[in-house]
Each structure stands twice: as structure tokens, then as C-alpha cells.
Amino acid sequence: MSQELYNSLLAGHEGITNGALRDVILPAILGKEADEMLYWIGKDVAREFPVQTNDELILLAKQLGFGDLSLQKKSATSQEWQLAGPIVRERINRRKEQTSFGLETGFLAQEIEFQVNSVAEAEIIERHKDNITILVKNDPSSDADSERTELVTFIHPQQSVPQPQPTKKRRHNK
């Protein structure tokens, strides 16, 4: 790891552990197939945390450390999303074209598939120095695997961590 990469990870918004995992360790393990493998891993992550609404999807993407997700365009067969924010900008600037957003792309494809109940695939269509644009296409004539979607239990992300309610101490009468 170069000093420049180390310094960038150390000072970054995602922290050295997450940054090294995403941009150094996983690509080293997965090799040339990293982007495609991360796409399928992203789909698996979405299966663990399925959400029903775009607002929940935006919140969950931020909580997972993917960045700031926003819907740009929507039609019956496609959705265009932008992923931006400090984490995305730092990742792009750190590794330029080597930065894989396969995890985020697969995650988004699967989440949209759950929401629209038809097969969906996603790809990066624009890459800038501080954001990426992901196009998710779905085919309304082909239902998603009905057995799988029937079994989905959606989660409901929360803005803050729920705090346990203090329990009242009971007095014992003697």
C-alpha cells in the first residue's frame, strides 16, 4: 500500500478499515472478476435488508456507507439514480477508474426488483469525479421470482438507533 493511498484511507470519511476492505482487499481477492462478483454480493446484501420505499432505500444506502443516493429519473421500465457524497468522491479520486461500484450497483438492482416486482438489472452509465449515475432497467412483463418475493420481509430503516427504555426499579415491601 502506498503512503498516498494509506493517508487517503486514514483521512477519508469511510475510515481505513472500510476503505481498505472495499478498495484494496476485495479487489485483491476477487481479481479481474471483482466488479462482477461485487455486483452479485450487492444483490445478496439487498436480500438481507430489503426495503419497500425509495426513502428507505436512500436511508439504507447511506447507513451502509455507500454514499448519498438520489433518484434522478423514473419511468415504467427504468430508473436513473445518482450516488454521490464525500465517500464516493474520495473513492473515485483515490483509485480513479479502478474503483468498483459493483456492490452498490447490484444492491440497487435487487432493491428495485423487490419494489417493482419484476426482474431488474443495473449498470453505471456515467462516472464523474464526484458521483456516478446508475441506470436500473426492469421488465414489467417478467415477474421477479414469485416464490422469493412472496417470502420477502421488508425492514424499516430508522434515522437513529433506538434507545432501550429504562426500566423502573420496583420496590420490594418487607
N, C-alpha and C. Protein backbone atom coordinates (compact mmCIF):
# COMPACT_ATOMS: atom_id res chain seq x y z
N MET A 1 0.86 -1.17 0.00
CA MET A 1 0.00 0.00 0.00
C MET A 1 0.90 1.23 0.00
N SER A 2 0.63 2.12 -0.89
CA SER A 2 1.45 3.33 -0.99
C SER A 2 1.10 4.28 0.15
N GLN A 3 2.03 5.16 0.46
CA GLN A 3 1.80 6.16 1.50
C GLN A 3 0.61 7.04 1.16
N GLU A 4 0.51 7.41 -0.12
CA GLU A 4 -0.60 8.27 -0.57
C GLU A 4 -1.95 7.57 -0.35
N LEU A 5 -2.03 6.29 -0.70
CA LEU A 5 -3.26 5.53 -0.50
C LEU A 5 -3.56 5.40 0.98
N TYR A 6 -2.55 5.06 1.77
CA TYR A 6 -2.73 4.93 3.21
C TYR A 6 -3.25 6.24 3.81
N ASN A 7 -2.62 7.36 3.48
CA ASN A 7 -3.04 8.66 4.02
C ASN A 7 -4.47 8.98 3.61
N SER A 8 -4.80 8.68 2.36
CA SER A 8 -6.15 8.93 1.86
C SER A 8 -7.19 8.11 2.62
N LEU A 9 -6.89 6.84 2.85
CA LEU A 9 -7.81 5.98 3.59
C LEU A 9 -7.95 6.43 5.04
N LEU A 10 -6.85 6.79 5.64
CA LEU A 10 -6.84 7.21 7.03
C LEU A 10 -7.66 8.48 7.24
N ALA A 11 -7.59 9.40 6.31
CA ALA A 11 -8.29 10.68 6.43
C ALA A 11 -9.71 10.65 5.87
N GLY A 12 -10.07 9.57 5.19
CA GLY A 12 -11.36 9.51 4.50
C GLY A 12 -12.56 9.34 5.42
N HIS A 13 -13.71 9.63 4.86
CA HIS A 13 -14.97 9.53 5.60
C HIS A 13 -15.37 8.10 5.94
N GLU A 14 -14.92 7.13 5.16
CA GLU A 14 -15.33 5.75 5.42
C GLU A 14 -14.40 5.03 6.39
N GLY A 15 -13.27 5.62 6.70
CA GLY A 15 -12.33 5.01 7.64
C GLY A 15 -11.38 4.05 6.94
N ILE A 16 -10.28 3.79 7.57
CA ILE A 16 -9.25 2.97 6.93
C ILE A 16 -9.71 1.51 6.80
N THR A 17 -10.44 1.00 7.75
CA THR A 17 -10.88 -0.40 7.68
C THR A 17 -11.81 -0.62 6.50
N ASN A 18 -12.88 0.16 6.41
CA ASN A 18 -13.83 0.00 5.30
C ASN A 18 -13.19 0.33 3.96
N GLY A 19 -12.40 1.38 3.92
CA GLY A 19 -11.76 1.77 2.67
C GLY A 19 -10.80 0.70 2.17
N ALA A 20 -9.99 0.17 3.06
CA ALA A 20 -9.05 -0.88 2.65
C ALA A 20 -9.80 -2.14 2.22
N LEU A 21 -10.84 -2.48 2.94
CA LEU A 21 -11.63 -3.66 2.58
C LEU A 21 -12.22 -3.51 1.18
N ARG A 22 -12.90 -2.38 0.93
CA ARG A 22 -13.59 -2.17 -0.35
C ARG A 22 -12.65 -1.99 -1.52
N ASP A 23 -11.59 -1.20 -1.34
CA ASP A 23 -10.78 -0.78 -2.48
C ASP A 23 -9.41 -1.45 -2.59
N VAL A 24 -9.04 -2.26 -1.59
CA VAL A 24 -7.75 -2.94 -1.65
C VAL A 24 -7.93 -4.45 -1.49
N ILE A 25 -8.53 -4.87 -0.38
CA ILE A 25 -8.60 -6.30 -0.05
C ILE A 25 -9.52 -7.08 -0.99
N LEU A 26 -10.77 -6.63 -1.13
CA LEU A 26 -11.71 -7.36 -2.00
C LEU A 26 -11.21 -7.43 -3.45
N PRO A 27 -10.74 -6.32 -4.05
CA PRO A 27 -10.21 -6.44 -5.41
C PRO A 27 -9.02 -7.40 -5.50
N ALA A 28 -8.19 -7.45 -4.46
CA ALA A 28 -7.06 -8.37 -4.48
C ALA A 28 -7.54 -9.82 -4.43
N ILE A 29 -8.56 -10.09 -3.64
CA ILE A 29 -9.10 -11.45 -3.53
C ILE A 29 -9.85 -11.85 -4.80
N LEU A 30 -10.67 -10.95 -5.31
CA LEU A 30 -11.56 -11.27 -6.43
C LEU A 30 -10.88 -11.13 -7.80
N GLY A 31 -9.78 -10.40 -7.86
CA GLY A 31 -9.03 -10.27 -9.10
C GLY A 31 -9.82 -9.58 -10.20
N LYS A 32 -9.65 -10.07 -11.43
CA LYS A 32 -10.27 -9.45 -12.60
C LYS A 32 -11.80 -9.48 -12.54
N GLU A 33 -12.34 -10.40 -11.80
CA GLU A 33 -13.79 -10.55 -11.72
C GLU A 33 -14.41 -9.72 -10.58
N ALA A 34 -13.63 -8.84 -9.97
CA ALA A 34 -14.09 -8.11 -8.79
C ALA A 34 -15.40 -7.37 -9.02
N ASP A 35 -15.51 -6.61 -10.10
CA ASP A 35 -16.71 -5.81 -10.32
C ASP A 35 -17.94 -6.70 -10.46
N GLU A 36 -17.85 -7.76 -11.24
CA GLU A 36 -18.99 -8.67 -11.43
C GLU A 36 -19.34 -9.41 -10.13
N MET A 37 -18.33 -9.87 -9.42
CA MET A 37 -18.58 -10.57 -8.16
C MET A 37 -19.21 -9.63 -7.13
N LEU A 38 -18.72 -8.40 -7.05
CA LEU A 38 -19.28 -7.43 -6.12
C LEU A 38 -20.73 -7.10 -6.47
N TYR A 39 -21.08 -7.13 -7.75
CA TYR A 39 -22.46 -6.91 -8.18
C TYR A 39 -23.37 -7.97 -7.53
N TRP A 40 -22.96 -9.23 -7.60
CA TRP A 40 -23.77 -10.31 -7.03
C TRP A 40 -23.76 -10.27 -5.51
N ILE A 41 -22.66 -9.86 -4.92
CA ILE A 41 -22.61 -9.69 -3.47
C ILE A 41 -23.56 -8.57 -3.06
N GLY A 42 -23.62 -7.49 -3.85
CA GLY A 42 -24.55 -6.39 -3.59
C GLY A 42 -26.00 -6.86 -3.62
N LYS A 43 -26.32 -7.76 -4.55
CA LYS A 43 -27.67 -8.32 -4.59
C LYS A 43 -27.95 -9.11 -3.31
N ASP A 44 -26.95 -9.86 -2.84
CA ASP A 44 -27.12 -10.61 -1.59
C ASP A 44 -27.32 -9.69 -0.40
N VAL A 45 -26.59 -8.58 -0.37
CA VAL A 45 -26.77 -7.61 0.72
C VAL A 45 -28.21 -7.08 0.71
N ALA A 46 -28.73 -6.77 -0.47
CA ALA A 46 -30.10 -6.27 -0.59
C ALA A 46 -31.11 -7.33 -0.12
N ARG A 47 -30.81 -8.60 -0.35
CA ARG A 47 -31.72 -9.66 0.10
C ARG A 47 -31.75 -9.75 1.62
N GLU A 48 -30.67 -9.35 2.25
CA GLU A 48 -30.63 -9.33 3.72
C GLU A 48 -31.40 -8.14 4.29
N PHE A 49 -31.41 -7.03 3.54
CA PHE A 49 -32.02 -5.78 4.02
C PHE A 49 -33.01 -5.22 3.00
N PRO A 50 -34.05 -5.96 2.62
CA PRO A 50 -34.99 -5.43 1.62
C PRO A 50 -35.84 -4.30 2.19
N VAL A 51 -36.03 -3.26 1.40
CA VAL A 51 -36.85 -2.12 1.81
C VAL A 51 -37.95 -1.88 0.78
N GLN A 52 -39.05 -1.26 1.24
CA GLN A 52 -40.22 -1.07 0.38
C GLN A 52 -40.25 0.24 -0.38
N THR A 53 -39.65 1.28 0.17
CA THR A 53 -39.80 2.60 -0.44
C THR A 53 -38.46 3.20 -0.84
N ASN A 54 -38.53 4.19 -1.73
CA ASN A 54 -37.31 4.88 -2.14
C ASN A 54 -36.68 5.64 -0.98
N ASP A 55 -37.50 6.22 -0.11
CA ASP A 55 -36.95 6.92 1.05
C ASP A 55 -36.16 5.97 1.95
N GLU A 56 -36.70 4.78 2.16
CA GLU A 56 -35.98 3.79 2.96
C GLU A 56 -34.71 3.33 2.25
N LEU A 57 -34.78 3.19 0.94
CA LEU A 57 -33.61 2.80 0.16
C LEU A 57 -32.50 3.84 0.27
N ILE A 58 -32.86 5.10 0.17
CA ILE A 58 -31.88 6.19 0.29
C ILE A 58 -31.23 6.19 1.67
N LEU A 59 -32.04 6.01 2.71
CA LEU A 59 -31.53 5.97 4.07
C LEU A 59 -30.61 4.77 4.28
N LEU A 60 -31.04 3.60 3.81
CA LEU A 60 -30.25 2.39 3.99
C LEU A 60 -28.91 2.49 3.25
N ALA A 61 -28.92 3.03 2.05
CA ALA A 61 -27.67 3.18 1.29
C ALA A 61 -26.67 4.03 2.07
N LYS A 62 -27.17 5.09 2.68
CA LYS A 62 -26.30 5.96 3.49
C LYS A 62 -25.79 5.21 4.72
N GLN A 63 -26.68 4.47 5.38
CA GLN A 63 -26.29 3.72 6.58
C GLN A 63 -25.28 2.63 6.27
N LEU A 64 -25.35 2.06 5.08
CA LEU A 64 -24.40 1.03 4.68
C LEU A 64 -23.06 1.62 4.23
N GLY A 65 -22.99 2.94 4.17
CA GLY A 65 -21.74 3.59 3.80
C GLY A 65 -21.52 3.65 2.30
N PHE A 66 -22.61 3.52 1.51
CA PHE A 66 -22.47 3.58 0.06
C PHE A 66 -22.37 5.02 -0.43
N GLY A 67 -22.96 5.96 0.28
CA GLY A 67 -22.95 7.35 -0.14
C GLY A 67 -24.36 7.91 -0.14
N ASP A 68 -24.51 9.04 -0.80
CA ASP A 68 -25.80 9.74 -0.87
C ASP A 68 -26.48 9.36 -2.18
N LEU A 69 -27.55 8.59 -2.05
CA LEU A 69 -28.30 8.09 -3.20
C LEU A 69 -29.49 8.99 -3.47
N SER A 70 -29.72 9.31 -4.74
CA SER A 70 -30.89 10.11 -5.10
C SER A 70 -31.45 9.66 -6.45
N LEU A 71 -32.77 9.62 -6.53
CA LEU A 71 -33.45 9.26 -7.76
C LEU A 71 -33.47 10.47 -8.68
N GLN A 72 -32.98 10.29 -9.92
CA GLN A 72 -32.92 11.38 -10.88
C GLN A 72 -34.06 11.34 -11.89
N LYS A 73 -34.37 10.15 -12.40
CA LYS A 73 -35.42 9.96 -13.40
C LYS A 73 -36.08 8.61 -13.16
N LYS A 74 -37.36 8.54 -13.56
CA LYS A 74 -38.08 7.29 -13.38
C LYS A 74 -39.11 7.12 -14.49
N SER A 75 -39.19 5.92 -15.04
CA SER A 75 -40.24 5.58 -15.99
C SER A 75 -40.76 4.19 -15.62
N ALA A 76 -41.65 3.65 -16.40
CA ALA A 76 -42.22 2.33 -16.12
C ALA A 76 -41.17 1.22 -16.23
N THR A 77 -40.12 1.46 -17.03
CA THR A 77 -39.14 0.40 -17.26
C THR A 77 -37.72 0.75 -16.82
N SER A 78 -37.51 1.93 -16.26
CA SER A 78 -36.16 2.27 -15.83
C SER A 78 -36.17 3.34 -14.74
N GLN A 79 -35.07 3.36 -14.02
CA GLN A 79 -34.84 4.38 -13.01
C GLN A 79 -33.38 4.78 -13.10
N GLU A 80 -33.13 6.07 -13.00
CA GLU A 80 -31.77 6.57 -13.01
C GLU A 80 -31.46 7.16 -11.64
N TRP A 81 -30.43 6.62 -11.01
CA TRP A 81 -30.04 7.03 -9.66
C TRP A 81 -28.65 7.64 -9.69
N GLN A 82 -28.43 8.61 -8.82
CA GLN A 82 -27.09 9.17 -8.66
C GLN A 82 -26.59 8.80 -7.28
N LEU A 83 -25.33 8.37 -7.22
CA LEU A 83 -24.66 8.08 -5.97
C LEU A 83 -23.53 9.09 -5.83
N ALA A 84 -23.58 9.89 -4.77
CA ALA A 84 -22.62 10.97 -4.59
C ALA A 84 -22.22 11.06 -3.11
N GLY A 85 -21.60 12.16 -2.76
CA GLY A 85 -21.22 12.41 -1.37
C GLY A 85 -19.73 12.24 -1.16
N PRO A 86 -19.27 12.58 0.04
CA PRO A 86 -17.83 12.54 0.35
C PRO A 86 -17.20 11.16 0.14
N ILE A 87 -17.90 10.11 0.54
CA ILE A 87 -17.33 8.76 0.40
C ILE A 87 -17.11 8.43 -1.07
N VAL A 88 -18.10 8.70 -1.90
CA VAL A 88 -18.00 8.40 -3.33
C VAL A 88 -16.88 9.22 -3.97
N ARG A 89 -16.86 10.50 -3.67
CA ARG A 89 -15.82 11.38 -4.22
C ARG A 89 -14.42 10.88 -3.83
N GLU A 90 -14.24 10.56 -2.56
CA GLU A 90 -12.93 10.09 -2.09
C GLU A 90 -12.54 8.77 -2.76
N ARG A 91 -13.49 7.86 -2.88
CA ARG A 91 -13.20 6.56 -3.51
C ARG A 91 -12.80 6.74 -4.97
N ILE A 92 -13.53 7.59 -5.69
CA ILE A 92 -13.21 7.83 -7.10
C ILE A 92 -11.84 8.49 -7.23
N ASN A 93 -11.57 9.50 -6.42
CA ASN A 93 -10.30 10.22 -6.51
C ASN A 93 -9.11 9.37 -6.06
N ARG A 94 -9.36 8.44 -5.16
CA ARG A 94 -8.30 7.60 -4.63
C ARG A 94 -7.82 6.59 -5.67
N ARG A 95 -8.73 5.98 -6.38
CA ARG A 95 -8.38 4.88 -7.28
C ARG A 95 -8.78 5.11 -8.73
N LYS A 96 -9.32 6.27 -9.03
CA LYS A 96 -9.74 6.65 -10.38
C LYS A 96 -10.62 5.57 -11.00
N GLU A 97 -10.22 5.07 -12.16
CA GLU A 97 -11.04 4.10 -12.88
C GLU A 97 -11.04 2.71 -12.24
N GLN A 98 -10.13 2.45 -11.32
CA GLN A 98 -10.07 1.15 -10.66
C GLN A 98 -11.16 0.97 -9.61
N THR A 99 -11.78 2.06 -9.20
CA THR A 99 -12.79 1.99 -8.14
C THR A 99 -14.02 1.25 -8.66
N SER A 100 -14.37 0.17 -7.97
CA SER A 100 -15.54 -0.60 -8.34
C SER A 100 -16.75 -0.15 -7.53
N PHE A 101 -17.84 0.07 -8.22
CA PHE A 101 -19.11 0.33 -7.57
C PHE A 101 -20.08 -0.81 -7.87
N GLY A 102 -19.51 -1.99 -8.10
CA GLY A 102 -20.32 -3.17 -8.37
C GLY A 102 -21.23 -3.53 -7.21
N LEU A 103 -20.74 -3.38 -5.99
CA LEU A 103 -21.54 -3.69 -4.81
C LEU A 103 -22.79 -2.81 -4.76
N GLU A 104 -22.62 -1.53 -4.95
CA GLU A 104 -23.72 -0.58 -4.91
C GLU A 104 -24.69 -0.81 -6.07
N THR A 105 -24.15 -1.14 -7.24
CA THR A 105 -24.97 -1.36 -8.43
C THR A 105 -25.84 -2.61 -8.27
N GLY A 106 -25.26 -3.69 -7.78
CA GLY A 106 -26.03 -4.91 -7.55
C GLY A 106 -27.07 -4.73 -6.46
N PHE A 107 -26.67 -4.03 -5.41
CA PHE A 107 -27.59 -3.73 -4.31
C PHE A 107 -28.81 -2.97 -4.82
N LEU A 108 -28.57 -1.95 -5.62
CA LEU A 108 -29.66 -1.13 -6.15
C LEU A 108 -30.56 -1.95 -7.08
N ALA A 109 -29.97 -2.78 -7.92
CA ALA A 109 -30.76 -3.61 -8.83
C ALA A 109 -31.72 -4.51 -8.06
N GLN A 110 -31.21 -5.15 -7.01
CA GLN A 110 -32.05 -6.07 -6.24
C GLN A 110 -33.13 -5.33 -5.45
N GLU A 111 -32.79 -4.20 -4.87
CA GLU A 111 -33.79 -3.44 -4.12
C GLU A 111 -34.93 -2.98 -5.05
N ILE A 112 -34.59 -2.52 -6.23
CA ILE A 112 -35.62 -2.08 -7.18
C ILE A 112 -36.43 -3.28 -7.64
N GLU A 113 -35.80 -4.41 -7.82
CA GLU A 113 -36.52 -5.63 -8.19
C GLU A 113 -37.58 -5.97 -7.14
N PHE A 114 -37.22 -5.87 -5.87
CA PHE A 114 -38.19 -6.10 -4.80
C PHE A 114 -39.34 -5.09 -4.89
N GLN A 115 -39.01 -3.84 -5.13
CA GLN A 115 -40.03 -2.78 -5.11
C GLN A 115 -41.00 -2.86 -6.28
N VAL A 116 -40.50 -3.17 -7.48
CA VAL A 116 -41.36 -3.19 -8.66
C VAL A 116 -41.85 -4.59 -9.02
N ASN A 117 -41.33 -5.59 -8.32
CA ASN A 117 -41.72 -6.99 -8.51
C ASN A 117 -41.55 -7.46 -9.96
N SER A 118 -40.47 -7.02 -10.58
CA SER A 118 -40.09 -7.55 -11.88
C SER A 118 -38.56 -7.56 -11.95
N VAL A 119 -38.05 -8.44 -12.78
CA VAL A 119 -36.60 -8.61 -12.88
C VAL A 119 -35.94 -7.27 -13.22
N ALA A 120 -34.89 -6.95 -12.49
CA ALA A 120 -34.18 -5.67 -12.70
C ALA A 120 -32.68 -5.91 -12.77
N GLU A 121 -32.04 -5.15 -13.63
CA GLU A 121 -30.59 -5.16 -13.74
C GLU A 121 -30.10 -3.72 -13.74
N ALA A 122 -28.87 -3.52 -13.29
CA ALA A 122 -28.35 -2.16 -13.20
C ALA A 122 -26.94 -2.08 -13.77
N GLU A 123 -26.60 -0.87 -14.22
CA GLU A 123 -25.26 -0.61 -14.73
C GLU A 123 -24.91 0.86 -14.52
N ILE A 124 -23.63 1.12 -14.40
CA ILE A 124 -23.17 2.51 -14.29
C ILE A 124 -23.16 3.09 -15.70
N ILE A 125 -23.84 4.23 -15.88
CA ILE A 125 -23.88 4.84 -17.20
C ILE A 125 -23.06 6.13 -17.27
N GLU A 126 -22.77 6.72 -16.12
CA GLU A 126 -21.92 7.92 -16.09
C GLU A 126 -21.03 7.84 -14.86
N ARG A 127 -19.83 8.31 -15.05
CA ARG A 127 -18.87 8.35 -13.95
C ARG A 127 -18.19 9.72 -13.98
N HIS A 128 -18.33 10.44 -12.90
CA HIS A 128 -17.73 11.76 -12.79
C HIS A 128 -16.71 11.74 -11.66
N LYS A 129 -16.06 12.87 -11.41
CA LYS A 129 -15.05 12.90 -10.37
C LYS A 129 -15.64 12.87 -8.97
N ASP A 130 -16.97 13.13 -8.84
CA ASP A 130 -17.57 13.14 -7.51
C ASP A 130 -18.89 12.38 -7.41
N ASN A 131 -19.30 11.69 -8.48
CA ASN A 131 -20.53 10.90 -8.42
C ASN A 131 -20.58 9.90 -9.57
N ILE A 132 -21.50 8.97 -9.43
CA ILE A 132 -21.77 8.03 -10.51
C ILE A 132 -23.28 8.02 -10.74
N THR A 133 -23.67 7.66 -11.95
CA THR A 133 -25.08 7.51 -12.28
C THR A 133 -25.32 6.05 -12.62
N ILE A 134 -26.32 5.48 -11.97
CA ILE A 134 -26.65 4.06 -12.15
C ILE A 134 -28.02 3.98 -12.81
N LEU A 135 -28.10 3.23 -13.90
CA LEU A 135 -29.36 3.00 -14.59
C LEU A 135 -29.87 1.62 -14.21
N VAL A 136 -31.09 1.57 -13.68
CA VAL A 136 -31.72 0.30 -13.34
C VAL A 136 -32.85 0.08 -14.34
N LYS A 137 -32.78 -1.03 -15.07
CA LYS A 137 -33.83 -1.37 -16.03
C LYS A 137 -34.60 -2.57 -15.52
N ASN A 138 -35.92 -2.49 -15.67
CA ASN A 138 -36.75 -3.62 -15.29
C ASN A 138 -37.70 -3.96 -16.43
N ASP A 139 -38.14 -5.20 -16.44
CA ASP A 139 -39.05 -5.68 -17.47
C ASP A 139 -40.38 -6.01 -16.83
N PRO A 140 -41.36 -5.09 -16.93
CA PRO A 140 -42.65 -5.31 -16.27
C PRO A 140 -43.37 -6.58 -16.73
N SER A 141 -43.01 -7.09 -17.91
CA SER A 141 -43.68 -8.30 -18.39
C SER A 141 -43.11 -9.57 -17.76
N SER A 142 -41.98 -9.46 -17.09
CA SER A 142 -41.41 -10.64 -16.44
C SER A 142 -41.40 -10.42 -14.93
N ASP A 143 -42.26 -11.16 -14.24
CA ASP A 143 -42.31 -11.06 -12.79
C ASP A 143 -41.02 -11.58 -12.19
N ALA A 144 -40.62 -10.97 -11.08
CA ALA A 144 -39.49 -11.49 -10.34
C ALA A 144 -39.89 -12.87 -9.81
N ASP A 145 -38.93 -13.64 -9.42
CA ASP A 145 -39.20 -14.97 -8.89
C ASP A 145 -40.28 -14.87 -7.82
N SER A 146 -41.49 -15.28 -8.16
CA SER A 146 -42.64 -15.07 -7.27
C SER A 146 -42.46 -15.76 -5.93
N GLU A 147 -41.81 -16.90 -5.92
CA GLU A 147 -41.59 -17.60 -4.65
C GLU A 147 -40.71 -16.77 -3.73
N ARG A 148 -39.66 -16.17 -4.29
CA ARG A 148 -38.74 -15.37 -3.49
C ARG A 148 -39.40 -14.08 -3.00
N THR A 149 -40.14 -13.39 -3.88
CA THR A 149 -40.73 -12.12 -3.47
C THR A 149 -41.86 -12.32 -2.47
N GLU A 150 -42.52 -13.46 -2.50
CA GLU A 150 -43.56 -13.72 -1.51
C GLU A 150 -42.97 -13.89 -0.12
N LEU A 151 -41.74 -14.34 -0.05
CA LEU A 151 -41.10 -14.59 1.24
C LEU A 151 -40.35 -13.39 1.79
N VAL A 152 -40.32 -12.30 1.06
CA VAL A 152 -39.58 -11.12 1.50
C VAL A 152 -40.28 -10.47 2.68
N THR A 153 -39.48 -10.24 3.71
CA THR A 153 -39.96 -9.46 4.86
C THR A 153 -39.16 -8.17 4.85
N PHE A 154 -39.84 -7.09 4.53
CA PHE A 154 -39.16 -5.81 4.41
C PHE A 154 -38.75 -5.28 5.78
N ILE A 155 -37.58 -4.66 5.79
CA ILE A 155 -37.13 -3.99 7.01
C ILE A 155 -37.57 -2.53 6.93
N HIS A 156 -37.48 -1.84 8.03
CA HIS A 156 -37.85 -0.43 8.08
C HIS A 156 -36.71 0.34 8.73
N PRO A 157 -35.77 0.84 7.92
CA PRO A 157 -34.63 1.57 8.48
C PRO A 157 -35.09 2.77 9.30
N GLN A 158 -34.31 3.08 10.31
CA GLN A 158 -34.63 4.20 11.19
C GLN A 158 -33.53 5.24 11.12
N GLN A 159 -33.91 6.48 11.29
CA GLN A 159 -32.95 7.59 11.26
C GLN A 159 -31.91 7.48 12.36
N SER A 160 -32.34 7.03 13.52
CA SER A 160 -31.41 6.94 14.65
C SER A 160 -31.55 5.58 15.30
N VAL A 161 -30.56 5.24 16.07
CA VAL A 161 -30.55 3.96 16.75
C VAL A 161 -31.56 4.00 17.89
N PRO A 162 -32.48 3.04 17.92
CA PRO A 162 -33.46 3.05 19.00
C PRO A 162 -32.76 2.84 20.35
N GLN A 163 -33.16 3.63 21.31
CA GLN A 163 -32.58 3.53 22.65
C GLN A 163 -33.49 2.68 23.52
N PRO A 164 -32.90 1.77 24.29
CA PRO A 164 -33.74 0.97 25.19
C PRO A 164 -34.38 1.86 26.25
N GLN A 165 -35.60 1.55 26.57
CA GLN A 165 -36.32 2.30 27.58
C GLN A 165 -35.82 1.87 28.96
N PRO A 166 -35.56 2.84 29.82
CA PRO A 166 -35.10 2.47 31.16
C PRO A 166 -36.22 1.74 31.90
N THR A 167 -35.80 0.75 32.64
CA THR A 167 -36.79 0.00 33.42
C THR A 167 -36.89 0.63 34.79
N LYS A 168 -38.10 0.66 35.29
CA LYS A 168 -38.31 1.22 36.62
C LYS A 168 -37.97 0.17 37.66
N LYS A 169 -37.26 0.62 38.65
CA LYS A 169 -36.92 -0.29 39.74
C LYS A 169 -38.15 -0.47 40.61
N ARG A 170 -38.38 -1.67 40.93
CA ARG A 170 -39.52 -1.96 41.78
C ARG A 170 -39.07 -2.03 43.24
N ARG A 171 -39.85 -1.46 44.05
CA ARG A 171 -39.54 -1.51 45.50
C ARG A 171 -40.13 -2.78 46.07
N HIS A 172 -39.38 -3.40 46.84
CA HIS A 172 -39.87 -4.60 47.50
C HIS A 172 -40.35 -4.21 48.90
N ASN A 173 -41.54 -4.58 49.21
CA ASN A 173 -42.06 -4.35 50.56
C ASN A 173 -41.60 -5.46 51.47
N LYS A 174 -41.18 -5.07 52.64
CA LYS A 174 -40.70 -6.08 53.59
C LYS A 174 -41.74 -6.42 54.59
